[in-house]
Every structure is written in structure tokens, then in C-alpha cells.
C-alpha atoms as a PDB file:
ATOM      1  CA  UNK A   1      -0.047  -0.114  -0.226  1.00  0.00           C
ATOM      2  CA  UNK A   2       2.895   2.425   0.832  1.00  0.00           C
ATOM      3  CA  UNK A   3       4.698   2.071  -2.574  1.00  0.00           C
ATOM      4  CA  UNK A   4       1.739   3.317  -4.473  1.00  0.00           C
ATOM      5  CA  UNK A   5       2.067   7.107  -3.408  1.00  0.00           C
ATOM      6  CA  UNK A   6       5.462   7.048  -4.613  1.00  0.00           C
ATOM      7  CA  UNK A   7       5.385   5.309  -7.687  1.00  0.00           C
ATOM      8  CA  UNK A   8       2.755   7.894  -8.672  1.00  0.00           C
ATOM      9  CA  UNK A   9       4.877  10.979  -7.695  1.00  0.00           C
ATOM     10  CA  UNK A  10       7.111   9.462 -10.149  1.00  0.00           C
ATOM     11  CA  UNK A  11       4.959   9.005 -12.743  1.00  0.00           C
ATOM     12  CA  UNK A  12       3.248  12.615 -12.221  1.00  0.00           C
ATOM     13  CA  UNK A  13       6.973  14.237 -12.475  1.00  0.00           C
ATOM     14  CA  UNK A  14       7.699  11.994 -15.564  1.00  0.00           C
ATOM     15  CA  UNK A  15       4.276  13.376 -17.124  1.00  0.00           C
ATOM     16  CA  UNK A  16       5.225  17.203 -16.109  1.00  0.00           C
ATOM     17  CA  UNK A  17       8.358  16.891 -18.332  1.00  0.00           C
ATOM     18  CA  UNK A  18       7.099  15.199 -21.584  1.00  0.00           C
ATOM     19  CA  UNK A  19       5.583  18.550 -22.730  1.00  0.00           C
ATOM     20  CA  UNK A  20       8.443  20.879 -22.282  1.00  0.00           C
ATOM     21  CA  UNK A  21      10.778  18.230 -23.517  1.00  0.00           C
ATOM     22  CA  UNK A  22       8.476  17.401 -26.540  1.00  0.00           C
ATOM     23  CA  UNK A  23       8.860  20.928 -27.348  1.00  0.00           C
ATOM     24  CA  UNK A  24      12.288  21.383 -26.885  1.00  0.00           C
ATOM     25  CA  UNK A  25      13.050  18.587 -29.258  1.00  0.00           C
ATOM     26  CA  UNK A  26      10.539  19.914 -32.125  1.00  0.00           C
ATOM     27  CA  UNK A  27      12.195  23.811 -31.732  1.00  0.00           C
ATOM     28  CA  UNK A  28      15.632  21.891 -32.190  1.00  0.00           C
ATOM     29  CA  UNK A  29      14.685  19.814 -35.058  1.00  0.00           C
ATOM     30  CA  UNK A  30      13.151  23.121 -36.550  1.00  0.00           C
ATOM     31  CA  UNK A  31      16.331  24.709 -35.986  1.00  0.00           C
ATOM     32  CA  UNK A  32      17.954  22.313 -38.443  1.00  0.00           C
ATOM     33  CA  UNK A  33      15.948  22.825 -41.059  1.00  0.00           C
ATOM     34  CA  UNK A  34      17.656  25.074 -43.924  1.00  0.00           C
ATOM     35  CA  UNK A  35      15.454  28.011 -44.874  1.00  0.00           C
ATOM     36  CA  UNK A  36      15.683  29.485 -48.140  1.00  0.00           C
ATOM     37  CA  UNK A  37      18.237  32.396 -48.845  1.00  0.00           C
ATOM     38  CA  UNK A  38      17.137  35.166 -51.267  1.00  0.00           C
ATOM     39  CA  UNK A  39      19.890  36.912 -53.000  1.00  0.00           C
ATOM     40  CA  UNK A  40      19.082  39.931 -55.286  1.00  0.00           C
ATOM     41  CA  UNK A  41      22.072  41.330 -57.841  1.00  0.00           C
ATOM     42  CA  UNK A  42      21.279  44.813 -59.653  1.00  0.00           C
ATOM     43  CA  UNK A  43      22.984  46.468 -62.363  1.00  0.00           C
ATOM     44  CA  UNK A  44      24.484  50.084 -62.505  1.00  0.00           C
ATOM     45  CA  UNK A  45      21.137  51.628 -63.398  1.00  0.00           C
ATOM     46  CA  UNK A  46      17.803  50.831 -62.136  1.00  0.00           C
ATOM     47  CA  UNK A  47      15.487  48.495 -64.278  1.00  0.00           C
ATOM     48  CA  UNK A  48      13.822  50.915 -66.610  1.00  0.00           C
ATOM     49  CA  UNK A  49      10.917  48.610 -67.408  1.00  0.00           C
ATOM     50  CA  UNK A  50       7.155  49.137 -68.370  1.00  0.00           C
ATOM     51  CA  UNK A  51       6.395  46.529 -70.680  1.00  0.00           C
ATOM     52  CA  UNK A  52       7.635  43.018 -69.793  1.00  0.00           C
ATOM     53  CA  UNK A  53       7.676  39.993 -72.267  1.00  0.00           C
ATOM     54  CA  UNK A  54       9.122  36.397 -71.591  1.00  0.00           C
ATOM     55  CA  UNK A  55      12.427  35.284 -73.006  1.00  0.00           C
ATOM     56  CA  UNK A  56      11.789  32.363 -75.275  1.00  0.00           C
ATOM     57  CA  UNK A  57      13.925  29.570 -75.223  1.00  0.00           C
ATOM     58  CA  UNK A  58      13.196  27.218 -78.348  1.00  0.00           C
ATOM     59  CA  UNK A  59      15.528  24.603 -77.609  1.00  0.00           C
ATOM     60  CA  UNK A  60      13.435  22.452 -75.737  1.00  0.00           C
ATOM     61  CA  UNK A  61       9.508  21.969 -74.789  1.00  0.00           C
ATOM     62  CA  UNK A  62       9.187  23.693 -71.337  1.00  0.00           C
ATOM     63  CA  UNK A  63       8.323  21.291 -68.554  1.00  0.00           C
ATOM     64  CA  UNK A  64       4.991  21.759 -66.108  1.00  0.00           C
ATOM     65  CA  UNK A  65       7.269  23.298 -63.716  1.00  0.00           C
ATOM     66  CA  UNK A  66       8.582  25.625 -65.905  1.00  0.00           C
ATOM     67  CA  UNK A  67       4.932  26.431 -67.653  1.00  0.00           C
ATOM     68  CA  UNK A  68       3.860  27.286 -63.976  1.00  0.00           C
ATOM     69  CA  UNK A  69       6.738  29.182 -62.936  1.00  0.00           C
ATOM     70  CA  UNK A  70       6.209  31.530 -66.210  1.00  0.00           C
ATOM     71  CA  UNK A  71       2.544  32.071 -65.452  1.00  0.00           C
ATOM     72  CA  UNK A  72       3.324  32.829 -61.957  1.00  0.00           C
ATOM     73  CA  UNK A  73       6.192  35.588 -62.659  1.00  0.00           C
ATOM     74  CA  UNK A  74       4.069  37.352 -65.007  1.00  0.00           C
ATOM     75  CA  UNK A  75       0.720  37.273 -62.696  1.00  0.00           C
ATOM     76  CA  UNK A  76       3.012  38.534 -59.898  1.00  0.00           C
ATOM     77  CA  UNK A  77       4.593  41.650 -62.444  1.00  0.00           C
ATOM     78  CA  UNK A  78       0.898  42.211 -63.476  1.00  0.00           C
ATOM     79  CA  UNK A  79       0.240  42.762 -59.976  1.00  0.00           C
ATOM     80  CA  UNK A  80       3.139  45.103 -59.565  1.00  0.00           C
ATOM     81  CA  UNK A  81       1.745  47.351 -62.405  1.00  0.00           C
ATOM     82  CA  UNK A  82       3.885  46.057 -65.182  1.00  0.00           C
ATOM     83  CA  UNK A  83       2.291  45.852 -68.755  1.00  0.00           C
ATOM     84  CA  UNK A  84       2.525  42.376 -70.719  1.00  0.00           C
ATOM     85  CA  UNK A  85       3.719  42.842 -74.104  1.00  0.00           C
ATOM     86  CA  UNK A  86       5.117  39.913 -76.135  1.00  0.00           C
ATOM     87  CA  UNK A  87       6.065  41.946 -79.032  1.00  0.00           C
ATOM     88  CA  UNK A  88       7.412  45.480 -78.087  1.00  0.00           C
ATOM     89  CA  UNK A  89       8.822  44.678 -74.377  1.00  0.00           C
ATOM     90  CA  UNK A  90      11.379  47.514 -72.569  1.00  0.00           C
ATOM     91  CA  UNK A  91      12.634  44.044 -70.786  1.00  0.00           C
ATOM     92  CA  UNK A  92      12.669  40.556 -70.882  1.00  0.00           C
ATOM     93  CA  UNK A  93      12.224  37.925 -68.417  1.00  0.00           C
ATOM     94  CA  UNK A  94      13.669  34.505 -68.065  1.00  0.00           C
ATOM     95  CA  UNK A  95      13.397  32.396 -64.949  1.00  0.00           C
ATOM     96  CA  UNK A  96      14.535  28.883 -64.262  1.00  0.00           C
ATOM     97  CA  UNK A  97      14.443  26.117 -61.581  1.00  0.00           C
ATOM     98  CA  UNK A  98      17.515  24.346 -61.341  1.00  0.00           C
ATOM     99  CA  UNK A  99      19.244  22.114 -58.842  1.00  0.00           C
ATOM    100  CA  UNK A 100      22.053  22.545 -56.906  1.00  0.00           C
ATOM    101  CA  UNK A 101      24.056  20.711 -53.758  1.00  0.00           C
ATOM    102  CA  UNK A 102      24.090  21.999 -50.462  1.00  0.00           C
ATOM    103  CA  UNK A 103      26.180  21.218 -48.193  1.00  0.00           C
ATOM    104  CA  UNK A 104      24.786  19.815 -44.557  1.00  0.00           C
ATOM    105  CA  UNK A 105      25.542  21.328 -41.430  1.00  0.00           C
ATOM    106  CA  UNK A 106      29.158  20.973 -39.362  1.00  0.00           C
ATOM    107  CA  UNK A 107      29.535  19.186 -36.429  1.00  0.00           C
ATOM    108  CA  UNK A 108      27.964  20.836 -33.446  1.00  0.00           C
ATOM    109  CA  UNK A 109      28.060  20.276 -29.681  1.00  0.00           C
ATOM    110  CA  UNK A 110      25.265  20.936 -27.273  1.00  0.00           C
ATOM    111  CA  UNK A 111      25.577  21.366 -23.477  1.00  0.00           C
ATOM    112  CA  UNK A 112      22.599  21.682 -21.407  1.00  0.00           C
ATOM    113  CA  UNK A 113      22.081  22.125 -17.401  1.00  0.00           C
ATOM    114  CA  UNK A 114      19.010  21.840 -15.612  1.00  0.00           C
ATOM    115  CA  UNK A 115      17.715  21.514 -12.087  1.00  0.00           C
ATOM    116  CA  UNK A 116      14.804  19.440 -11.151  1.00  0.00           C
ATOM    117  CA  UNK A 117      13.209  18.489  -7.800  1.00  0.00           C
ATOM    118  CA  UNK A 118      16.112  18.421  -5.519  1.00  0.00           C
ATOM    119  CA  UNK A 119      18.629  17.466  -8.065  1.00  0.00           C
ATOM    120  CA  UNK A 120      20.975  19.144 -10.662  1.00  0.00           C
ATOM    121  CA  UNK A 121      21.959  17.214 -13.891  1.00  0.00           C
ATOM    122  CA  UNK A 122      23.777  18.169 -17.160  1.00  0.00           C
ATOM    123  CA  UNK A 123      24.161  16.805 -20.750  1.00  0.00           C
ATOM    124  CA  UNK A 124      26.796  16.621 -23.371  1.00  0.00           C
ATOM    125  CA  UNK A 125      25.281  15.900 -26.961  1.00  0.00           C
ATOM    126  CA  UNK A 126      27.390  15.796 -30.303  1.00  0.00           C
ATOM    127  CA  UNK A 127      25.693  15.668 -33.544  1.00  0.00           C
ATOM    128  CA  UNK A 128      27.575  14.701 -36.820  1.00  0.00           C
ATOM    129  CA  UNK A 129      26.388  15.365 -40.422  1.00  0.00           C
ATOM    130  CA  UNK A 130      26.046  11.993 -42.064  1.00  0.00           C
ATOM    131  CA  UNK A 131      25.529  11.910 -46.252  1.00  0.00           C
ATOM    132  CA  UNK A 132      27.518  14.530 -47.432  1.00  0.00           C
ATOM    133  CA  UNK A 133      25.496  17.493 -49.286  1.00  0.00           C
ATOM    134  CA  UNK A 134      21.797  17.313 -50.382  1.00  0.00           C
ATOM    135  CA  UNK A 135      20.091  18.193 -53.524  1.00  0.00           C
ATOM    136  CA  UNK A 136      17.957  20.972 -53.446  1.00  0.00           C
ATOM    137  CA  UNK A 137      15.494  23.179 -55.815  1.00  0.00           C
ATOM    138  CA  UNK A 138      16.899  27.004 -56.485  1.00  0.00           C
ATOM    139  CA  UNK A 139      14.612  29.488 -58.482  1.00  0.00           C
ATOM    140  CA  UNK A 140      16.322  32.220 -60.476  1.00  0.00           C
ATOM    141  CA  UNK A 141      14.508  35.061 -61.848  1.00  0.00           C
ATOM    142  CA  UNK A 142      16.307  38.018 -64.707  1.00  0.00           C
ATOM    143  CA  UNK A 143      15.212  40.640 -66.140  1.00  0.00           C
ATOM    144  CA  UNK A 144      17.054  41.760 -69.389  1.00  0.00           C
ATOM    145  CA  UNK A 145      16.839  45.441 -70.883  1.00  0.00           C
ATOM    146  CA  UNK A 146      16.086  44.954 -74.245  1.00  0.00           C
ATOM    147  CA  UNK A 147      17.347  48.361 -75.756  1.00  0.00           C
ATOM    148  CA  UNK A 148      20.842  47.539 -73.646  1.00  0.00           C
ATOM    149  CA  UNK A 149      20.696  43.623 -74.338  1.00  0.00           C
ATOM    150  CA  UNK A 150      22.059  43.476 -71.013  1.00  0.00           C
ATOM    151  CA  UNK A 151      20.929  42.059 -67.572  1.00  0.00           C
ATOM    152  CA  UNK A 152      19.582  44.431 -65.196  1.00  0.00           C
ATOM    153  CA  UNK A 153      18.068  42.566 -62.424  1.00  0.00           C
ATOM    154  CA  UNK A 154      18.360  39.316 -60.504  1.00  0.00           C
ATOM    155  CA  UNK A 155      16.524  37.725 -57.947  1.00  0.00           C
ATOM    156  CA  UNK A 156      17.620  33.941 -56.724  1.00  0.00           C
ATOM    157  CA  UNK A 157      16.339  31.976 -53.926  1.00  0.00           C
ATOM    158  CA  UNK A 158      18.436  29.126 -52.611  1.00  0.00           C
ATOM    159  CA  UNK A 159      16.974  25.870 -51.595  1.00  0.00           C
ATOM    160  CA  UNK A 160      13.287  27.091 -52.457  1.00  0.00           C
ATOM    161  CA  UNK A 161      12.233  23.430 -53.469  1.00  0.00           C
ATOM    162  CA  UNK A 162      12.919  20.194 -52.204  1.00  0.00           C
ATOM    163  CA  UNK A 163      12.700  18.773 -55.941  1.00  0.00           C
ATOM    164  CA  UNK A 164      13.141  19.898 -59.274  1.00  0.00           C
ATOM    165  CA  UNK A 165       9.636  19.462 -60.101  1.00  0.00           C
ATOM    166  CA  UNK A 166       7.925  21.452 -57.354  1.00  0.00           C
ATOM    167  CA  UNK A 167       4.158  21.539 -56.908  1.00  0.00           C
ATOM    168  CA  UNK A 168       2.180  25.070 -58.020  1.00  0.00           C
ATOM    169  CA  UNK A 169       1.928  26.178 -54.452  1.00  0.00           C
ATOM    170  CA  UNK A 170       5.356  26.138 -53.708  1.00  0.00           C
ATOM    171  CA  UNK A 171       6.564  27.779 -57.085  1.00  0.00           C
ATOM    172  CA  UNK A 172       3.995  30.399 -56.245  1.00  0.00           C
ATOM    173  CA  UNK A 173       5.668  31.019 -52.803  1.00  0.00           C
ATOM    174  CA  UNK A 174       8.921  31.226 -54.160  1.00  0.00           C
ATOM    175  CA  UNK A 175       7.927  33.501 -57.031  1.00  0.00           C
ATOM    176  CA  UNK A 176       6.310  35.810 -54.706  1.00  0.00           C
ATOM    177  CA  UNK A 177       9.345  36.022 -52.312  1.00  0.00           C
ATOM    178  CA  UNK A 178      11.926  36.612 -55.079  1.00  0.00           C
ATOM    179  CA  UNK A 179       9.741  39.514 -56.631  1.00  0.00           C
ATOM    180  CA  UNK A 180       8.924  41.085 -53.324  1.00  0.00           C
ATOM    181  CA  UNK A 181      12.663  42.590 -54.246  1.00  0.00           C
ATOM    182  CA  UNK A 182      11.722  43.670 -57.482  1.00  0.00           C
ATOM    183  CA  UNK A 183      10.396  47.626 -57.475  1.00  0.00           C
ATOM    184  CA  UNK A 184       6.861  47.989 -58.204  1.00  0.00           C
ATOM    185  CA  UNK A 185       6.414  50.093 -61.395  1.00  0.00           C
ATOM    186  CA  UNK A 186       5.863  53.954 -60.641  1.00  0.00           C
ATOM    187  CA  UNK A 187       2.618  55.304 -61.706  1.00  0.00           C
ATOM    188  CA  UNK A 188       2.959  57.759 -64.244  1.00  0.00           C
END
């Protein structure tokens, strides 16, 4: 009879730590994920585009992902006030989804200490990257000034996709993130 109360107390203490421990593990796992990185490069002069058109590449037919990418880029630019003109644009747009290798994080060491009940304790953790690098899908959007025949703006989102043929929602989110950095067209 006297043994049941200490057992219940032990179970209660363990249950009390399950939720905080689970939350800490989720935060730790989430911190290991690599967030997409946005890089923007501009020319000496700012882009002077009012009318935009797509830069056609006749080498091969467009994949489904490329067709979705083109539609989303043109939709976002339209929302930003740019006029679509395939015959006489100021700037031609090119966008591509490409794959690249991303290195795994380096070795890391974690230290922890805490107090619970009447005791004090500590731990040491070590994480080792296994498997070298991983392949991720990247997005690049280029603006080419037709008159100067020169690239005037480039936005690149590294690690935007987990596969080279991403779904529509992933393409839309990545395009919007890149083109947030492209200036809206000034109203005349």
C-alpha cells in the first residue's frame, strides 16, 4: 500500500516533463532545417521596365514546372503594375528552376544543464553530419533590358524547393518571395 504513492509521484514528475521536452525537441529539429536564402543583384542603373515579355527559349519544350513558373512570374508582375507586351517589351524576363548541392551543417556540440526536484544535472550532445551534401531546387528570375541587351536585375532563392519539379503552391510562394524585392512600377 505504501509503495503506490511514491510510484504515482514519479509518474506525475515524468508526465510534467513530457510536454516541455517534446517542445524543446521540436524547436531543435526545426532549427536544423535550412531556410531558403534570397540574393538580389542589380546593375549600375535601376531597371527601366514598363512593358515586360518572356524570353523564349526554343531549344526544348517547357516542362510543367516551367509553365507554372512563367505564369506565376507574369501574374505577380501584372499585380505590381507592369504591362505585358510580348511584341515590344522594355525588358524580357527569364526564370529557371535548377538544382544545386547544399552541404550539410558541420559538426556541432550542445551542452545543457538544469535543475529539477532537488537534483541538478547536465548533458552533452554531439551531432555529426551523415551523407555529405543534399540536392535542393533553386529559383532564379532575370530581367534583361532589351534596348541595352543587358541583364539589369537578378533574384535568386536558394533551397526554395525540395525537388526539381515542385508543386504549384511552392512555385507561387517562391516567385512571390523573389519578386517582393523587385521594385513596383511607378505610376505616371
